[in-house]
Amino acid sequence: MNPVLVEVYRNNVLESFHRGAICVVDKEGKIIFSEGDVNQICYPRSAMKFLQVLPLIELGGIERFNFTLEEIAIMCGSHNAEPDHLRVVNSILSKIGLDKNRLSCGSQYPTSKKDADELIKKNEKPQHIHNNCSGKHAGFLALCVLLNKSVEDYINPNHPIQLLIMDACAEMYEYPKEKMITALDGCSAPIFSVPIYNQAIGYKNLVYPHQFSEQRKVACKIVIDAITQYPFMVAGSKRYCTDLMNITAPKIIGKTGAEGIFCLGLTEQKVGVCIKIDDGKMLPQYNVAQAFVEASNIFTKEELKPLHHYMQEPVTNFNKFITGEIKVRENLFKGM
């Protein structure tokens, strides 16, 4: 059984808790800190997006379509579907000569409540472009056009572009693709099962791709530059990925994934991190990620003050009364 990582108190009584695993690896792939079963197999979910875009960059997609770093950033993102997000996704589609109806991610109300409410007020239904993964899917379509492959079934796990993406992910995770179990993500794109340890390796390789080809090295740098310069495209307003990288990038980059995944890369230390919350809740992954960021001592407490509430914050009820708090287990990263 994995250890408790996050605790929820009500009037100082422990009411609930969240178990999980953490793996931190150095530039050699050696585990330098861990909690729980780092060999536990799970899906990276959206934390895989930073890797899924690599084939498009390596094969010349930026040059062919004149993509900007802002557009690359939203291909890596799980966006709120705020107006700027839709603008950038539409720009990608325009550059590759396709309509937004080609997206196959599924219609979804904007993650941003304000923008979801706007659709409801206008009596409009959500579209595929409002899906938080529409940037990633626009990138998939760009890869199809670049390679002259069918855009009809681009989410099929056996589609040529998905096989290319699987190869790239297997290389970055240093995990045999034969062991990967392919499933469908919430947006219907293929995802691959990978141990927590290898997910940490993947982010280490993203920030330290020394053993790969020059094309891969350049592609990894472009991804980091894109999400560093345009963190808003990775998530949006009041979202941890964006708030984190607004302060910490390029020294620390991070990406959430559904079902309790959060991965981080430390560019100067050449370190990769994967956090998995067993029950799949989203908030605890941010609690643990922020605790790790603070324990790393890369930034001062003052610099991280705007983010500290992600590590420990009060729990309130419908009257806005404080009823307790959620916080990371005491001394979780002691001695790291």
Protein backbone atom coordinates (compact mmCIF):
# COMPACT_ATOMS: atom_id res chain seq x y z
CA MET A 1 0.00 0.00 0.00
CA ASN A 2 1.36 3.40 -0.97
CA PRO A 3 1.95 5.92 1.84
CA VAL A 4 -0.28 8.85 2.70
CA LEU A 5 0.94 11.96 0.86
CA VAL A 6 -1.85 14.46 1.53
CA GLU A 7 -4.12 14.87 4.57
CA VAL A 8 -7.47 16.60 4.93
CA TYR A 9 -8.39 17.91 8.38
CA ARG A 10 -11.70 19.20 9.75
CA ASN A 11 -11.26 21.16 12.99
CA ASN A 12 -7.90 19.46 13.51
CA VAL A 13 -9.33 15.95 13.11
CA LEU A 14 -7.93 13.91 10.23
CA GLU A 15 -11.00 13.31 8.09
CA SER A 16 -9.54 11.85 4.93
CA PHE A 17 -6.24 11.34 3.14
CA HIS A 18 -4.74 10.58 -0.23
CA ARG A 19 -2.15 7.89 -0.84
CA GLY A 20 0.24 7.86 -3.73
CA ALA A 21 3.75 7.51 -5.06
CA ILE A 22 6.55 9.91 -5.95
CA CYS A 23 9.66 9.28 -8.02
CA VAL A 24 12.53 11.72 -8.51
CA VAL A 25 15.43 10.78 -10.80
CA ASP A 26 18.74 12.46 -11.55
CA LYS A 27 20.42 12.94 -14.93
CA GLU A 28 21.71 9.35 -14.85
CA GLY A 29 18.23 7.99 -14.24
CA LYS A 30 19.08 7.10 -10.65
CA ILE A 31 16.30 7.44 -8.09
CA ILE A 32 17.29 10.19 -5.65
CA PHE A 33 13.98 10.33 -3.79
CA SER A 34 10.91 8.15 -3.73
CA GLU A 35 7.75 7.37 -1.81
CA GLY A 36 5.59 4.36 -2.54
CA ASP A 37 5.75 1.95 -5.45
CA VAL A 38 7.61 3.68 -8.28
CA ASN A 39 7.13 0.63 -10.50
CA GLN A 40 3.37 1.06 -10.35
CA ILE A 41 2.00 1.18 -13.89
CA CYS A 42 -0.45 3.91 -14.84
CA TYR A 43 -1.24 6.27 -17.69
CA PRO A 44 0.55 9.63 -17.96
CA ARG A 45 -2.64 11.10 -19.41
CA SER A 46 -2.11 14.75 -20.32
CA ALA A 47 1.37 14.82 -18.79
CA MET A 48 2.35 12.99 -21.98
CA LYS A 49 1.51 16.03 -24.15
CA PHE A 50 4.99 17.53 -23.82
CA LEU A 51 6.29 14.36 -25.53
CA GLN A 52 3.48 13.77 -28.03
CA VAL A 53 4.35 16.96 -29.92
CA LEU A 54 8.00 15.99 -30.50
CA PRO A 55 7.53 14.15 -33.85
CA LEU A 56 5.79 17.18 -35.39
CA ILE A 57 8.72 19.41 -34.44
CA GLU A 58 11.41 16.90 -35.42
CA LEU A 59 9.93 16.30 -38.85
CA GLY A 60 9.82 19.97 -39.80
CA GLY A 61 6.29 21.00 -38.86
CA ILE A 62 7.34 24.40 -37.54
CA GLU A 63 9.15 25.28 -40.76
CA ARG A 64 6.43 23.91 -43.03
CA PHE A 65 3.55 25.75 -41.37
CA ASN A 66 5.41 28.67 -39.78
CA PHE A 67 4.14 27.71 -36.33
CA THR A 68 4.87 30.07 -33.45
CA LEU A 69 6.02 29.08 -29.99
CA GLU A 70 2.59 30.10 -28.74
CA GLU A 71 1.03 27.53 -31.06
CA ILE A 72 3.49 24.85 -29.97
CA ALA A 73 2.64 25.65 -26.34
CA ILE A 74 -1.09 25.04 -26.82
CA MET A 75 -0.30 21.73 -28.53
CA CYS A 76 1.29 20.83 -25.18
CA GLY A 77 -1.60 22.15 -23.15
CA SER A 78 -4.84 21.23 -21.40
CA HIS A 79 -6.41 24.61 -21.86
CA ASN A 80 -9.45 26.31 -20.34
CA ALA A 81 -10.95 27.24 -23.74
CA GLU A 82 -10.62 30.92 -22.92
CA PRO A 83 -10.78 33.29 -25.93
CA ASP A 84 -7.00 33.38 -26.40
CA HIS A 85 -6.85 29.59 -26.37
CA LEU A 86 -9.48 29.35 -29.10
CA ARG A 87 -7.66 32.02 -31.11
CA VAL A 88 -4.43 30.01 -31.10
CA VAL A 89 -6.08 26.67 -31.93
CA ASN A 90 -7.93 28.33 -34.81
CA SER A 91 -4.63 29.79 -36.02
CA ILE A 92 -3.07 26.32 -36.15
CA LEU A 93 -6.01 24.93 -38.10
CA SER A 94 -5.91 27.86 -40.53
CA LYS A 95 -2.22 27.31 -41.20
CA ILE A 96 -2.74 23.64 -42.05
CA GLY A 97 -5.83 24.36 -44.14
CA LEU A 98 -8.35 22.47 -42.04
CA ASP A 99 -11.63 23.37 -40.41
CA LYS A 100 -12.27 23.00 -36.66
CA ASN A 101 -14.83 20.31 -37.50
CA ARG A 102 -11.89 18.02 -38.30
CA LEU A 103 -11.06 17.86 -34.59
CA SER A 104 -12.01 14.51 -33.05
CA CYS A 105 -11.43 15.26 -29.37
CA GLY A 106 -15.12 15.45 -28.46
CA SER A 107 -17.21 18.46 -27.52
CA GLN A 108 -16.71 19.74 -23.99
CA TYR A 109 -17.83 22.81 -22.11
CA PRO A 110 -14.88 25.15 -21.48
CA THR A 111 -12.96 24.37 -18.30
CA SER A 112 -13.22 28.08 -17.59
CA LYS A 113 -16.58 28.51 -15.81
CA LYS A 114 -16.89 32.06 -17.10
CA ASP A 115 -16.59 30.92 -20.71
CA ALA A 116 -18.84 27.91 -20.15
CA ASP A 117 -21.49 30.22 -18.72
CA GLU A 118 -21.16 32.46 -21.79
CA LEU A 119 -22.01 29.55 -24.07
CA ILE A 120 -25.05 28.68 -21.95
CA LYS A 121 -26.24 32.30 -21.94
CA LYS A 122 -26.03 32.36 -25.73
CA ASN A 123 -27.82 29.01 -25.92
CA GLU A 124 -24.80 27.60 -27.77
CA LYS A 125 -23.54 24.07 -27.45
CA PRO A 126 -19.85 23.31 -26.79
CA GLN A 127 -17.77 22.19 -29.75
CA HIS A 128 -14.66 20.08 -30.19
CA ILE A 129 -12.51 23.21 -30.15
CA HIS A 130 -13.66 23.90 -26.57
CA ASN A 131 -12.20 20.56 -25.47
CA ASN A 132 -9.17 21.13 -23.27
CA CYS A 133 -7.15 18.90 -25.62
CA SER A 134 -8.03 20.66 -28.88
CA GLY A 135 -4.54 22.14 -29.13
CA LYS A 136 -3.00 18.69 -28.97
CA HIS A 137 -5.43 17.44 -31.59
CA ALA A 138 -4.66 20.39 -33.86
CA GLY A 139 -1.03 19.29 -33.57
CA PHE A 140 -2.01 15.74 -34.54
CA LEU A 141 -3.79 17.08 -37.63
CA ALA A 142 -0.76 19.17 -38.51
CA LEU A 143 1.39 16.03 -38.40
CA CYS A 144 -1.10 14.28 -40.71
CA VAL A 145 -0.95 17.12 -43.24
CA LEU A 146 2.84 17.33 -42.96
CA LEU A 147 3.22 13.62 -43.75
CA ASN A 148 0.31 13.49 -46.23
CA LYS A 149 -1.58 11.00 -44.07
CA SER A 150 -5.34 10.66 -43.63
CA VAL A 151 -6.98 13.17 -41.31
CA GLU A 152 -10.16 11.08 -41.07
CA ASP A 153 -9.01 8.55 -38.49
CA TYR A 154 -6.00 10.27 -36.90
CA ILE A 155 -7.00 9.12 -33.40
CA ASN A 156 -6.85 5.44 -34.39
CA PRO A 157 -4.02 3.85 -32.36
CA ASN A 158 -2.77 2.23 -35.59
CA HIS A 159 -2.74 5.47 -37.56
CA PRO A 160 0.80 6.25 -38.85
CA ILE A 161 1.12 9.42 -36.77
CA GLN A 162 0.07 7.66 -33.57
CA LEU A 163 2.65 4.94 -34.19
CA LEU A 164 5.31 7.66 -34.62
CA ILE A 165 4.17 9.27 -31.37
CA MET A 166 4.26 5.92 -29.58
CA ASP A 167 7.85 5.37 -30.76
CA ALA A 168 8.89 8.81 -29.53
CA CYS A 169 7.20 8.27 -26.15
CA ALA A 170 8.82 4.85 -25.73
CA GLU A 171 12.22 6.41 -26.43
CA MET A 172 11.68 9.29 -24.03
CA TYR A 173 10.31 7.06 -21.27
CA GLU A 174 13.04 4.48 -21.95
CA TYR A 175 10.33 1.85 -21.78
CA PRO A 176 9.72 -0.86 -24.40
CA LYS A 177 6.69 -0.07 -26.51
CA GLU A 178 5.88 -3.79 -26.50
CA LYS A 179 5.09 -3.44 -22.79
CA MET A 180 2.91 -0.38 -23.25
CA ILE A 181 -0.80 -1.03 -23.10
CA THR A 182 -2.64 1.38 -25.38
CA ALA A 183 -5.89 2.90 -24.18
CA LEU A 184 -7.94 5.94 -25.13
CA ASP A 185 -7.68 9.19 -23.23
CA GLY A 186 -10.69 11.35 -22.34
CA CYS A 187 -10.19 13.12 -25.68
CA SER A 188 -10.08 9.74 -27.50
CA ALA A 189 -6.37 10.02 -28.35
CA PRO A 190 -4.21 6.95 -27.72
CA ILE A 191 -2.28 6.88 -24.45
CA PHE A 192 0.24 4.35 -23.20
CA SER A 193 0.70 2.70 -19.81
CA VAL A 194 4.09 3.48 -18.25
CA PRO A 195 5.56 2.89 -14.76
CA ILE A 196 5.86 5.94 -12.51
CA TYR A 197 9.66 5.62 -12.58
CA ASN A 198 9.74 5.80 -16.38
CA GLN A 199 7.41 8.78 -16.40
CA ALA A 200 10.00 10.57 -14.26
CA ILE A 201 12.65 9.41 -16.74
CA GLY A 202 10.62 10.93 -19.57
CA TYR A 203 10.70 14.38 -18.01
CA LYS A 204 14.38 14.00 -17.16
CA ASN A 205 15.02 13.26 -20.82
CA LEU A 206 12.94 16.25 -21.85
CA VAL A 207 15.17 18.60 -19.87
CA TYR A 208 18.37 16.60 -20.54
CA PRO A 209 18.10 14.84 -23.92
CA HIS A 210 21.86 14.29 -24.19
CA GLN A 211 21.66 10.75 -25.60
CA PHE A 212 19.25 11.56 -28.43
CA SER A 213 19.65 12.87 -31.96
CA GLU A 214 20.22 16.55 -32.69
CA GLN A 215 16.63 16.78 -33.98
CA ARG A 216 15.33 15.44 -30.66
CA LYS A 217 17.54 17.80 -28.67
CA VAL A 218 16.29 20.77 -30.67
CA ALA A 219 12.67 19.62 -30.35
CA CYS A 220 12.96 19.27 -26.56
CA LYS A 221 14.42 22.77 -26.31
CA ILE A 222 11.60 24.17 -28.43
CA VAL A 223 8.99 22.57 -26.17
CA ILE A 224 10.65 24.05 -23.09
CA ASP A 225 10.98 27.47 -24.75
CA ALA A 226 7.33 27.38 -25.82
CA ILE A 227 5.84 26.49 -22.45
CA THR A 228 8.22 28.90 -20.71
CA GLN A 229 7.26 31.86 -22.90
CA TYR A 230 3.56 30.98 -23.11
CA PRO A 231 2.54 29.15 -19.90
CA PHE A 232 -0.99 30.52 -20.28
CA MET A 233 -1.43 28.22 -23.29
CA VAL A 234 -0.62 25.14 -21.18
CA ALA A 235 -3.62 25.65 -18.90
CA GLY A 236 -5.02 29.14 -18.30
CA SER A 237 -6.42 31.39 -15.61
CA LYS A 238 -6.32 30.06 -12.04
CA ARG A 239 -4.63 26.82 -13.11
CA TYR A 240 -1.58 25.38 -11.36
CA CYS A 241 0.47 24.53 -14.47
CA THR A 242 0.22 28.13 -15.68
CA ASP A 243 0.66 29.71 -12.24
CA LEU A 244 3.66 27.48 -11.53
CA MET A 245 5.52 28.15 -14.77
CA ASN A 246 4.76 31.88 -14.68
CA ILE A 247 7.14 31.91 -11.74
CA THR A 248 9.43 28.91 -12.14
CA ALA A 249 9.96 28.31 -15.87
CA PRO A 250 12.38 27.58 -17.44
CA LYS A 251 14.08 26.34 -14.26
CA ILE A 252 11.08 24.16 -13.38
CA ILE A 253 8.46 23.00 -15.88
CA GLY A 254 5.40 20.94 -15.02
CA LYS A 255 2.29 19.38 -16.48
CA THR A 256 -0.79 17.84 -14.95
CA GLY A 257 -2.46 14.65 -16.08
CA ALA A 258 -5.88 13.29 -15.21
CA GLU A 259 -6.31 10.70 -12.46
CA GLY A 260 -3.74 12.25 -10.16
CA ILE A 261 -0.61 12.57 -12.32
CA PHE A 262 1.80 15.48 -12.18
CA CYS A 263 5.23 15.50 -13.81
CA LEU A 264 8.04 18.01 -13.41
CA GLY A 265 11.39 18.68 -15.01
CA LEU A 266 14.22 20.68 -13.43
CA THR A 267 16.28 22.03 -16.30
CA GLU A 268 19.43 23.09 -14.45
CA GLN A 269 19.58 20.08 -12.11
CA LYS A 270 18.56 17.73 -14.99
CA VAL A 271 15.99 16.05 -12.75
CA GLY A 272 12.69 14.39 -13.62
CA VAL A 273 9.73 13.90 -11.28
CA CYS A 274 6.49 11.96 -11.41
CA ILE A 275 3.73 12.17 -8.80
CA LYS A 276 0.75 9.82 -8.81
CA ILE A 277 -2.20 10.13 -6.44
CA ASP A 278 -3.79 6.70 -6.09
CA ASP A 279 -7.42 7.79 -5.86
CA GLY A 280 -7.11 9.99 -8.95
CA LYS A 281 -8.09 13.24 -7.26
CA MET A 282 -6.60 16.33 -8.90
CA LEU A 283 -5.97 18.76 -6.03
CA PRO A 284 -3.61 16.46 -4.06
CA GLN A 285 -1.22 16.20 -7.03
CA TYR A 286 -0.83 19.99 -6.94
CA ASN A 287 -0.32 19.90 -3.17
CA VAL A 288 2.53 17.43 -3.56
CA ALA A 289 4.02 19.14 -6.62
CA GLN A 290 4.14 22.48 -4.83
CA ALA A 291 5.67 20.87 -1.74
CA PHE A 292 8.38 19.43 -3.98
CA VAL A 293 9.01 22.79 -5.64
CA GLU A 294 9.38 24.45 -2.24
CA ALA A 295 11.62 21.68 -0.93
CA SER A 296 13.91 21.97 -3.96
CA ASN A 297 15.15 25.35 -2.69
CA ILE A 298 15.56 26.61 -6.26
CA PHE A 299 13.38 29.61 -5.44
CA THR A 300 12.98 31.69 -2.30
CA LYS A 301 9.91 31.49 -0.10
CA GLU A 302 9.06 35.03 -1.17
CA GLU A 303 9.21 34.09 -4.85
CA LEU A 304 6.95 31.09 -4.25
CA LYS A 305 4.51 32.90 -1.96
CA PRO A 306 1.84 33.27 -4.71
CA LEU A 307 1.92 29.48 -5.13
CA HIS A 308 2.04 28.41 -1.50
CA HIS A 309 -1.73 28.00 -1.21
CA TYR A 310 -1.46 25.06 -3.61
CA MET A 311 0.56 23.21 -0.96
CA GLN A 312 -1.63 23.99 2.01
CA GLU A 313 -4.97 25.74 1.93
CA PRO A 314 -8.12 26.05 4.00
CA VAL A 315 -11.21 23.99 3.24
CA THR A 316 -14.40 26.09 3.20
CA ASN A 317 -18.11 25.31 3.13
CA PHE A 318 -20.99 26.93 1.22
CA ASN A 319 -21.04 29.83 3.69
CA LYS A 320 -17.33 30.36 3.06
CA PHE A 321 -16.63 29.35 6.67
CA ILE A 322 -13.24 27.70 7.11
CA THR A 323 -13.92 24.13 8.21
CA GLY A 324 -10.43 22.69 8.03
CA GLU A 325 -7.44 22.40 5.72
CA ILE A 326 -5.82 20.20 3.14
CA LYS A 327 -2.06 19.87 3.37
CA VAL A 328 0.88 17.71 2.42
CA ARG A 329 1.99 15.20 5.02
CA GLU A 330 4.42 16.82 7.42
CA ASN A 331 8.08 16.48 6.44
CA LEU A 332 7.21 14.65 3.23
CA PHE A 333 10.34 15.83 1.46
CA LYS A 334 12.57 16.02 4.53
CA GLY A 335 16.11 15.05 3.65
CA MET A 336 15.59 15.25 -0.09
